[in-house]
Protein backbone atom coordinates (compact mmCIF):
# COMPACT_ATOMS: atom_id res chain seq x y z
CA MET A 1 0.00 0.00 0.00
CA LYS A 2 2.85 2.40 0.88
CA LYS A 3 4.45 1.73 -2.50
CA LEU A 4 1.19 2.57 -4.26
CA VAL A 5 0.81 5.84 -2.35
CA SER A 6 4.46 6.73 -3.04
CA LEU A 7 4.04 6.01 -6.74
CA PHE A 8 0.88 8.13 -6.83
CA LEU A 9 2.70 11.05 -5.16
CA ILE A 10 5.62 10.79 -7.59
CA VAL A 11 3.22 10.91 -10.55
CA ILE A 12 1.43 13.96 -9.11
CA ILE A 13 4.74 15.76 -8.51
CA CYS A 14 5.93 15.03 -12.06
CA ILE A 15 2.68 16.33 -13.54
CA SER A 16 2.86 19.46 -11.38
CA LEU A 17 6.44 20.20 -12.40
CA SER A 18 5.75 19.73 -16.10
CA ALA A 19 2.93 22.28 -15.90
CA CYS A 20 5.39 24.90 -14.60
CA ALA A 21 7.18 25.59 -17.88
CA THR A 22 9.22 28.78 -18.10
CA PRO A 23 8.09 31.45 -20.59
CA GLU A 24 10.99 30.46 -22.86
CA GLU A 25 9.92 26.80 -22.77
CA LYS A 26 6.35 27.75 -23.68
CA LEU A 27 7.62 29.56 -26.78
CA VAL A 28 9.70 26.68 -28.15
CA GLY A 29 8.25 25.43 -31.44
CA ARG A 30 6.84 26.83 -34.67
CA TRP A 31 4.13 29.49 -34.66
CA GLU A 32 2.10 30.42 -37.76
CA ARG A 33 0.46 33.85 -38.03
CA VAL A 34 -3.34 33.55 -38.13
CA SER A 35 -4.29 37.25 -37.93
CA GLU A 36 -2.89 40.76 -37.62
CA ASN A 37 -4.13 44.32 -37.92
CA ARG A 38 -1.22 45.52 -40.13
CA ASN A 39 0.98 43.64 -42.56
CA VAL A 40 4.22 44.14 -40.60
CA PHE A 41 4.75 40.76 -38.92
CA ALA A 42 6.47 37.59 -40.13
CA SER A 43 4.15 34.84 -41.35
CA TYR A 44 5.86 32.36 -39.03
CA LEU A 45 8.23 32.36 -36.07
CA GLU A 46 10.16 29.38 -34.77
CA PHE A 47 11.74 29.39 -31.32
CA PHE A 48 14.42 26.95 -30.17
CA SER A 49 15.37 25.82 -26.67
CA ASP A 50 18.86 27.32 -27.04
CA GLY A 51 17.36 30.85 -27.07
CA THR A 52 17.48 31.36 -30.84
CA TYR A 53 14.73 31.96 -33.37
CA THR A 54 14.08 32.06 -37.10
CA SER A 55 11.26 33.67 -39.03
CA SER A 56 9.82 33.99 -42.52
CA SER A 57 11.22 37.53 -42.83
CA ALA A 58 14.53 37.84 -44.64
CA ASN A 59 17.48 38.13 -42.22
CA HIS A 60 15.18 38.02 -39.18
CA GLN A 61 16.87 35.36 -37.13
CA GLY A 62 19.06 35.41 -34.08
CA SER A 63 18.44 35.21 -30.34
CA PHE A 64 15.51 36.12 -28.14
CA SER A 65 15.13 36.94 -24.46
CA ILE A 66 12.15 37.46 -22.18
CA SER A 67 11.66 39.92 -19.35
CA GLY A 68 8.21 39.94 -17.79
CA ASN A 69 5.65 40.30 -20.57
CA ARG A 70 8.20 41.57 -23.10
CA ILE A 71 10.18 39.63 -25.65
CA MET A 72 13.27 41.03 -27.34
CA PHE A 73 14.44 39.74 -30.69
CA GLN A 74 18.11 40.32 -31.40
CA GLY A 75 18.79 39.77 -35.08
CA ILE A 76 21.90 38.97 -36.98
CA LEU A 77 21.44 41.62 -39.67
CA VAL A 78 18.59 43.69 -38.20
CA ALA A 79 18.19 45.98 -35.19
CA SER A 80 16.84 44.55 -31.93
CA LYS A 81 13.06 44.69 -31.58
CA THR A 82 10.99 44.43 -28.42
CA PHE A 83 7.33 43.39 -28.28
CA THR A 84 4.80 42.92 -25.53
CA TYR A 85 3.50 39.36 -25.72
CA GLU A 86 1.02 36.96 -24.18
CA ILE A 87 0.42 33.26 -24.55
CA LYS A 88 -3.03 31.79 -24.02
CA GLY A 89 -3.27 28.09 -24.79
CA ASN A 90 -1.79 27.59 -28.26
CA LYS A 91 -2.06 31.29 -29.22
CA LEU A 92 0.80 33.79 -29.08
CA THR A 93 -0.03 37.48 -29.48
CA LEU A 94 2.65 40.11 -30.14
CA TYR A 95 1.94 43.82 -29.63
CA THR A 96 4.06 46.83 -30.58
CA ASP A 97 3.95 50.42 -31.73
CA TYR A 98 4.53 50.87 -35.47
CA GLU A 99 4.60 54.35 -36.99
CA GLY A 100 2.54 55.68 -34.09
CA ASN A 101 -0.08 52.92 -34.27
CA ASN A 102 -0.68 50.01 -31.94
CA VAL A 103 -0.29 46.86 -33.99
CA TYR A 104 -0.59 43.20 -33.13
CA ALA A 105 -0.33 39.74 -34.62
CA VAL A 106 -1.78 36.47 -33.39
CA TYR A 107 0.17 33.24 -33.98
CA GLU A 108 -0.95 29.68 -33.47
CA LYS A 109 1.44 26.93 -32.42
CA ILE A 110 1.62 24.10 -34.93
């Protein structure tokens, strides 16, 4: 009986720990754009566990970092860009100011 209770507790702990993914871990994978209010975002973004990313935009690849609800993209051939972001389920939304307008894009994890 003790072994069964111990096994049950181990399973519960493992499930609890796997649900506590870091923001970086939640981003890992490929995200396809499903909507936006201006045509200024890449059609896809792909994040890797080593802190790098690629995108559909020419020369937009490099590293990324997260601080609170902000994500900074540091490109190889482009200037760094910072966006406010949120993840809800399998949806990633990026927000920024572009030419004085608030713009956003919604991505879906595939």
